[in-house]
Amino acid sequence: MRDRFWKMLGVAGVTLAMTTQAHAAWQLVPANSEIKAHVAGEGQRGPMERTYHVSDLAGTINDDGQFEMPLRLEQTDLLGKQGGLSGLLSGLSSDSAMVTLSTKVNPDWLSNLQPGDSTTRNVTLTASGHHFERSEEIPLTLERLDQRYYHLAFAEPISVDTQQLMKLDNAQTVLSLLGYKRLNNSIPIELDARLIRQ
């Protein structure tokens, strides 16, 4: 009798956890979501400046407004577009995220928008990797395109501290392969993404 009670209690607990767990209310559309990074620094032959892309962004906003977006080396255009580095860089890639971006987005900011309307809100964006974590308040622009789709962007480019960037796994190796001896103090980052309501 006692064993049956504990089994029933366990089943009830699992059921409650499953029914109360927050699920993805909004999801990024990978084909229409990318980050641009404008990287400037010193190369072997003098100043260098290039624009790199992180494409096929996969992120979600759950019912509680928690937004998470992992970024992987495979999503960058380093593997196929920069001087035949594909073979070298592919050996450094993995399924794990280099860095994960996260923030809190009030679900009402999205739900209360009418098609064609937009709003800009300050949010605390956190970038976390294996060896670092950094948070910064940024302006985020949300635009409702129609009943299901939204546009998500930084209201202005955000600056990434290159000293923090160099703490990422294999960062120095990738930097050398791309021809940079050193980078400027910061890298401007732009977000252009599309959300779909689930």
C-alpha atoms as a PDB file:
ATOM      1  CA  MET A   1       0.000   0.000   0.000  1.00  0.00           C
ATOM      2  CA  ARG A   2       2.820   2.343   0.947  1.00  0.00           C
ATOM      3  CA  ASP A   3       4.732   1.524  -2.271  1.00  0.00           C
ATOM      4  CA  ARG A   4       1.624   2.259  -4.308  1.00  0.00           C
ATOM      5  CA  PHE A   5       1.252   5.623  -2.575  1.00  0.00           C
ATOM      6  CA  TRP A   6       4.812   6.655  -3.391  1.00  0.00           C
ATOM      7  CA  LYS A   7       4.450   5.515  -7.015  1.00  0.00           C
ATOM      8  CA  MET A   8       1.267   7.566  -7.382  1.00  0.00           C
ATOM      9  CA  LEU A   9       2.983  10.551  -5.787  1.00  0.00           C
ATOM     10  CA  GLY A  10       5.921  10.193  -8.172  1.00  0.00           C
ATOM     11  CA  VAL A  11       3.667  10.020 -11.232  1.00  0.00           C
ATOM     12  CA  ALA A  12       1.753  13.066 -10.021  1.00  0.00           C
ATOM     13  CA  GLY A  13       4.999  14.984  -9.535  1.00  0.00           C
ATOM     14  CA  VAL A  14       6.282  14.174 -13.021  1.00  0.00           C
ATOM     15  CA  THR A  15       2.924  15.089 -14.556  1.00  0.00           C
ATOM     16  CA  LEU A  16       2.873  18.410 -12.712  1.00  0.00           C
ATOM     17  CA  ALA A  17       6.424  19.213 -13.816  1.00  0.00           C
ATOM     18  CA  MET A  18       5.571  18.468 -17.441  1.00  0.00           C
ATOM     19  CA  THR A  19       2.391  20.529 -17.439  1.00  0.00           C
ATOM     20  CA  THR A  20       3.956  23.538 -15.723  1.00  0.00           C
ATOM     21  CA  GLN A  21       7.211  23.582 -17.686  1.00  0.00           C
ATOM     22  CA  ALA A  22       7.505  26.694 -19.856  1.00  0.00           C
ATOM     23  CA  HIS A  23       7.533  25.953 -23.574  1.00  0.00           C
ATOM     24  CA  ALA A  24       8.667  27.965 -26.571  1.00  0.00           C
ATOM     25  CA  ALA A  25       6.024  30.587 -27.286  1.00  0.00           C
ATOM     26  CA  TRP A  26       8.115  32.318 -29.970  1.00  0.00           C
ATOM     27  CA  GLN A  27      10.882  30.873 -32.094  1.00  0.00           C
ATOM     28  CA  LEU A  28      13.478  32.379 -34.401  1.00  0.00           C
ATOM     29  CA  VAL A  29      13.146  31.569 -38.097  1.00  0.00           C
ATOM     30  CA  PRO A  30      16.700  30.390 -38.949  1.00  0.00           C
ATOM     31  CA  ALA A  31      16.511  31.223 -42.655  1.00  0.00           C
ATOM     32  CA  ASN A  32      15.675  34.858 -41.824  1.00  0.00           C
ATOM     33  CA  SER A  33      17.883  35.397 -38.778  1.00  0.00           C
ATOM     34  CA  GLU A  34      21.535  36.433 -38.689  1.00  0.00           C
ATOM     35  CA  ILE A  35      24.162  38.412 -36.807  1.00  0.00           C
ATOM     36  CA  LYS A  36      26.719  40.648 -38.534  1.00  0.00           C
ATOM     37  CA  ALA A  37      30.103  41.339 -36.964  1.00  0.00           C
ATOM     38  CA  HIS A  38      32.340  44.107 -38.317  1.00  0.00           C
ATOM     39  CA  VAL A  39      35.856  42.998 -37.386  1.00  0.00           C
ATOM     40  CA  ALA A  40      38.746  45.455 -37.651  1.00  0.00           C
ATOM     41  CA  GLY A  41      42.331  45.064 -36.546  1.00  0.00           C
ATOM     42  CA  GLU A  42      45.922  44.708 -37.641  1.00  0.00           C
ATOM     43  CA  GLY A  43      46.873  42.097 -40.226  1.00  0.00           C
ATOM     44  CA  GLN A  44      50.174  40.873 -41.582  1.00  0.00           C
ATOM     45  CA  ARG A  45      50.208  43.645 -44.207  1.00  0.00           C
ATOM     46  CA  GLY A  46      48.527  46.431 -42.291  1.00  0.00           C
ATOM     47  CA  PRO A  47      44.981  47.348 -41.205  1.00  0.00           C
ATOM     48  CA  MET A  48      42.246  44.789 -41.920  1.00  0.00           C
ATOM     49  CA  GLU A  49      38.469  45.204 -41.802  1.00  0.00           C
ATOM     50  CA  ARG A  50      35.931  42.526 -42.759  1.00  0.00           C
ATOM     51  CA  THR A  51      32.297  41.711 -42.108  1.00  0.00           C
ATOM     52  CA  TYR A  52      31.404  38.208 -40.915  1.00  0.00           C
ATOM     53  CA  HIS A  53      27.990  36.607 -40.552  1.00  0.00           C
ATOM     54  CA  VAL A  54      26.448  34.181 -38.085  1.00  0.00           C
ATOM     55  CA  SER A  55      23.452  32.692 -39.909  1.00  0.00           C
ATOM     56  CA  ASP A  56      20.653  30.208 -39.259  1.00  0.00           C
ATOM     57  CA  LEU A  57      20.110  31.530 -35.743  1.00  0.00           C
ATOM     58  CA  ALA A  58      18.142  29.165 -33.523  1.00  0.00           C
ATOM     59  CA  GLY A  59      16.598  30.709 -30.429  1.00  0.00           C
ATOM     60  CA  THR A  60      13.384  30.684 -28.450  1.00  0.00           C
ATOM     61  CA  ILE A  61      11.366  32.865 -26.100  1.00  0.00           C
ATOM     62  CA  ASN A  62       9.291  30.842 -23.652  1.00  0.00           C
ATOM     63  CA  ASP A  63       6.023  31.750 -21.930  1.00  0.00           C
ATOM     64  CA  ASP A  64       7.986  33.371 -19.096  1.00  0.00           C
ATOM     65  CA  GLY A  65       9.896  35.587 -21.524  1.00  0.00           C
ATOM     66  CA  GLN A  66      13.247  33.826 -21.215  1.00  0.00           C
ATOM     67  CA  PHE A  67      15.194  34.196 -24.474  1.00  0.00           C
ATOM     68  CA  GLU A  68      18.160  31.945 -25.302  1.00  0.00           C
ATOM     69  CA  MET A  69      20.203  31.773 -28.485  1.00  0.00           C
ATOM     70  CA  PRO A  70      23.259  29.471 -28.756  1.00  0.00           C
ATOM     71  CA  LEU A  71      25.915  30.374 -31.328  1.00  0.00           C
ATOM     72  CA  ARG A  72      28.146  27.731 -32.938  1.00  0.00           C
ATOM     73  CA  LEU A  73      31.174  27.922 -35.199  1.00  0.00           C
ATOM     74  CA  GLU A  74      29.269  26.049 -37.926  1.00  0.00           C
ATOM     75  CA  GLN A  75      26.844  28.991 -38.189  1.00  0.00           C
ATOM     76  CA  THR A  76      29.567  31.432 -39.233  1.00  0.00           C
ATOM     77  CA  ASP A  77      30.767  32.018 -42.778  1.00  0.00           C
ATOM     78  CA  LEU A  78      34.327  31.218 -41.688  1.00  0.00           C
ATOM     79  CA  LEU A  79      34.074  27.586 -42.780  1.00  0.00           C
ATOM     80  CA  GLY A  80      33.579  28.172 -46.472  1.00  0.00           C
ATOM     81  CA  LYS A  81      34.169  31.772 -47.483  1.00  0.00           C
ATOM     82  CA  GLN A  82      37.428  32.959 -46.002  1.00  0.00           C
ATOM     83  CA  GLY A  83      40.470  31.852 -47.960  1.00  0.00           C
ATOM     84  CA  GLY A  84      39.831  28.107 -48.032  1.00  0.00           C
ATOM     85  CA  LEU A  85      39.909  27.699 -44.259  1.00  0.00           C
ATOM     86  CA  SER A  86      37.112  25.147 -44.245  1.00  0.00           C
ATOM     87  CA  GLY A  87      39.324  22.126 -43.657  1.00  0.00           C
ATOM     88  CA  LEU A  88      41.323  23.801 -40.902  1.00  0.00           C
ATOM     89  CA  LEU A  89      38.386  25.310 -39.037  1.00  0.00           C
ATOM     90  CA  SER A  90      36.106  22.305 -39.351  1.00  0.00           C
ATOM     91  CA  GLY A  91      38.484  20.402 -37.108  1.00  0.00           C
ATOM     92  CA  LEU A  92      37.888  23.000 -34.395  1.00  0.00           C
ATOM     93  CA  SER A  93      34.095  22.923 -34.639  1.00  0.00           C
ATOM     94  CA  SER A  94      31.780  20.973 -32.380  1.00  0.00           C
ATOM     95  CA  ASP A  95      28.124  20.571 -31.553  1.00  0.00           C
ATOM     96  CA  SER A  96      28.485  22.625 -28.388  1.00  0.00           C
ATOM     97  CA  ALA A  97      27.857  26.365 -28.433  1.00  0.00           C
ATOM     98  CA  MET A  98      30.810  28.759 -28.472  1.00  0.00           C
ATOM     99  CA  VAL A  99      28.651  31.292 -26.679  1.00  0.00           C
ATOM    100  CA  THR A 100      25.016  31.554 -25.624  1.00  0.00           C
ATOM    101  CA  LEU A 101      23.123  34.850 -25.655  1.00  0.00           C
ATOM    102  CA  SER A 102      20.243  35.174 -23.215  1.00  0.00           C
ATOM    103  CA  THR A 103      17.899  37.851 -21.915  1.00  0.00           C
ATOM    104  CA  LYS A 104      14.413  38.410 -20.521  1.00  0.00           C
ATOM    105  CA  VAL A 105      11.691  39.700 -22.844  1.00  0.00           C
ATOM    106  CA  ASN A 106       8.332  40.618 -21.342  1.00  0.00           C
ATOM    107  CA  PRO A 107       5.800  38.529 -23.351  1.00  0.00           C
ATOM    108  CA  ASP A 108       3.352  41.459 -23.205  1.00  0.00           C
ATOM    109  CA  TRP A 109       5.753  43.539 -25.283  1.00  0.00           C
ATOM    110  CA  LEU A 110       5.123  41.125 -28.145  1.00  0.00           C
ATOM    111  CA  SER A 111       1.495  40.220 -27.516  1.00  0.00           C
ATOM    112  CA  ASN A 112       0.319  43.836 -27.178  1.00  0.00           C
ATOM    113  CA  LEU A 113       1.833  44.943 -30.482  1.00  0.00           C
ATOM    114  CA  GLN A 114      -0.512  45.366 -33.426  1.00  0.00           C
ATOM    115  CA  PRO A 115       0.675  44.469 -36.958  1.00  0.00           C
ATOM    116  CA  GLY A 116       2.844  47.312 -38.217  1.00  0.00           C
ATOM    117  CA  ASP A 117       3.676  48.579 -34.719  1.00  0.00           C
ATOM    118  CA  SER A 118       7.078  48.459 -33.045  1.00  0.00           C
ATOM    119  CA  THR A 119       8.593  49.176 -29.648  1.00  0.00           C
ATOM    120  CA  THR A 120      12.116  49.579 -28.299  1.00  0.00           C
ATOM    121  CA  ARG A 121      12.903  48.282 -24.812  1.00  0.00           C
ATOM    122  CA  ASN A 122      16.032  48.101 -22.714  1.00  0.00           C
ATOM    123  CA  VAL A 123      16.987  44.540 -21.797  1.00  0.00           C
ATOM    124  CA  THR A 124      19.966  42.970 -20.061  1.00  0.00           C
ATOM    125  CA  LEU A 125      21.772  40.772 -22.579  1.00  0.00           C
ATOM    126  CA  THR A 126      24.081  38.108 -21.148  1.00  0.00           C
ATOM    127  CA  ALA A 127      26.781  36.390 -23.194  1.00  0.00           C
ATOM    128  CA  SER A 128      28.135  33.244 -21.559  1.00  0.00           C
ATOM    129  CA  GLY A 129      30.811  30.794 -22.674  1.00  0.00           C
ATOM    130  CA  HIS A 130      33.060  28.182 -21.129  1.00  0.00           C
ATOM    131  CA  HIS A 131      35.395  30.710 -19.534  1.00  0.00           C
ATOM    132  CA  PHE A 132      33.433  33.940 -19.222  1.00  0.00           C
ATOM    133  CA  GLU A 133      30.089  35.610 -18.674  1.00  0.00           C
ATOM    134  CA  ARG A 134      29.239  39.226 -19.368  1.00  0.00           C
ATOM    135  CA  SER A 135      25.999  41.197 -19.101  1.00  0.00           C
ATOM    136  CA  GLU A 136      25.142  44.527 -20.695  1.00  0.00           C
ATOM    137  CA  GLU A 137      21.986  46.613 -20.988  1.00  0.00           C
ATOM    138  CA  ILE A 138      21.037  47.147 -24.635  1.00  0.00           C
ATOM    139  CA  PRO A 139      18.067  48.628 -26.543  1.00  0.00           C
ATOM    140  CA  LEU A 140      16.072  45.915 -28.349  1.00  0.00           C
ATOM    141  CA  THR A 141      13.565  46.760 -31.085  1.00  0.00           C
ATOM    142  CA  LEU A 142      10.526  44.519 -31.570  1.00  0.00           C
ATOM    143  CA  GLU A 143       8.262  44.951 -34.599  1.00  0.00           C
ATOM    144  CA  ARG A 144       5.107  42.988 -35.333  1.00  0.00           C
ATOM    145  CA  LEU A 145       4.898  42.148 -39.031  1.00  0.00           C
ATOM    146  CA  ASP A 146       1.559  40.294 -39.025  1.00  0.00           C
ATOM    147  CA  GLN A 147      -0.447  37.950 -36.798  1.00  0.00           C
ATOM    148  CA  ARG A 148       2.401  35.426 -36.407  1.00  0.00           C
ATOM    149  CA  TYR A 149       5.677  37.061 -37.419  1.00  0.00           C
ATOM    150  CA  TYR A 150       7.870  39.620 -35.641  1.00  0.00           C
ATOM    151  CA  HIS A 151      11.130  41.359 -36.474  1.00  0.00           C
ATOM    152  CA  LEU A 152      13.807  41.452 -33.774  1.00  0.00           C
ATOM    153  CA  ALA A 153      16.880  43.719 -33.895  1.00  0.00           C
ATOM    154  CA  PHE A 154      19.325  45.644 -31.760  1.00  0.00           C
ATOM    155  CA  ALA A 155      18.195  49.276 -31.876  1.00  0.00           C
ATOM    156  CA  GLU A 156      21.839  50.164 -32.443  1.00  0.00           C
ATOM    157  CA  PRO A 157      24.980  48.070 -32.946  1.00  0.00           C
ATOM    158  CA  ILE A 158      26.359  46.696 -29.699  1.00  0.00           C
ATOM    159  CA  SER A 159      30.076  46.561 -28.996  1.00  0.00           C
ATOM    160  CA  VAL A 160      31.755  43.302 -28.040  1.00  0.00           C
ATOM    161  CA  ASP A 161      34.918  43.604 -25.961  1.00  0.00           C
ATOM    162  CA  THR A 162      37.645  41.765 -27.874  1.00  0.00           C
ATOM    163  CA  GLN A 163      39.422  40.848 -24.628  1.00  0.00           C
ATOM    164  CA  GLN A 164      36.313  38.899 -23.621  1.00  0.00           C
ATOM    165  CA  LEU A 165      36.049  37.426 -27.113  1.00  0.00           C
ATOM    166  CA  MET A 166      39.569  36.056 -26.937  1.00  0.00           C
ATOM    167  CA  LYS A 167      38.557  33.926 -23.942  1.00  0.00           C
ATOM    168  CA  LEU A 168      36.463  31.735 -26.240  1.00  0.00           C
ATOM    169  CA  ASP A 169      37.830  28.296 -27.055  1.00  0.00           C
ATOM    170  CA  ASN A 170      40.131  28.363 -30.130  1.00  0.00           C
ATOM    171  CA  ALA A 171      39.698  32.136 -30.537  1.00  0.00           C
ATOM    172  CA  GLN A 172      43.417  32.812 -30.959  1.00  0.00           C
ATOM    173  CA  THR A 173      43.757  29.999 -33.501  1.00  0.00           C
ATOM    174  CA  VAL A 174      40.835  31.261 -35.585  1.00  0.00           C
ATOM    175  CA  LEU A 175      42.151  34.828 -35.385  1.00  0.00           C
ATOM    176  CA  SER A 176      45.541  33.770 -36.754  1.00  0.00           C
ATOM    177  CA  LEU A 177      44.012  31.693 -39.550  1.00  0.00           C
ATOM    178  CA  LEU A 178      41.979  34.707 -40.658  1.00  0.00           C
ATOM    179  CA  GLY A 179      45.143  36.776 -40.944  1.00  0.00           C
ATOM    180  CA  TYR A 180      44.733  39.043 -37.905  1.00  0.00           C
ATOM    181  CA  LYS A 181      47.680  39.793 -35.629  1.00  0.00           C
ATOM    182  CA  ARG A 182      45.441  41.670 -33.203  1.00  0.00           C
ATOM    183  CA  LEU A 183      41.958  43.189 -33.090  1.00  0.00           C
ATOM    184  CA  ASN A 184      40.661  46.633 -32.235  1.00  0.00           C
ATOM    185  CA  ASN A 185      39.244  47.067 -28.730  1.00  0.00           C
ATOM    186  CA  SER A 186      35.646  46.327 -29.746  1.00  0.00           C
ATOM    187  CA  ILE A 187      33.596  44.688 -32.507  1.00  0.00           C
ATOM    188  CA  PRO A 188      30.237  46.214 -33.565  1.00  0.00           C
ATOM    189  CA  ILE A 189      27.509  43.567 -33.715  1.00  0.00           C
ATOM    190  CA  GLU A 190      24.128  43.832 -35.501  1.00  0.00           C
ATOM    191  CA  LEU A 191      21.135  41.505 -35.103  1.00  0.00           C
ATOM    192  CA  ASP A 192      18.544  40.990 -37.841  1.00  0.00           C
ATOM    193  CA  ALA A 193      16.108  38.228 -36.901  1.00  0.00           C
ATOM    194  CA  ARG A 194      12.547  37.051 -37.480  1.00  0.00           C
ATOM    195  CA  LEU A 195      10.351  35.494 -34.811  1.00  0.00           C
ATOM    196  CA  ILE A 196       7.329  33.286 -35.330  1.00  0.00           C
ATOM    197  CA  ARG A 197       4.621  32.820 -32.747  1.00  0.00           C
ATOM    198  CA  GLN A 198       4.063  29.162 -31.943  1.00  0.00           C
END
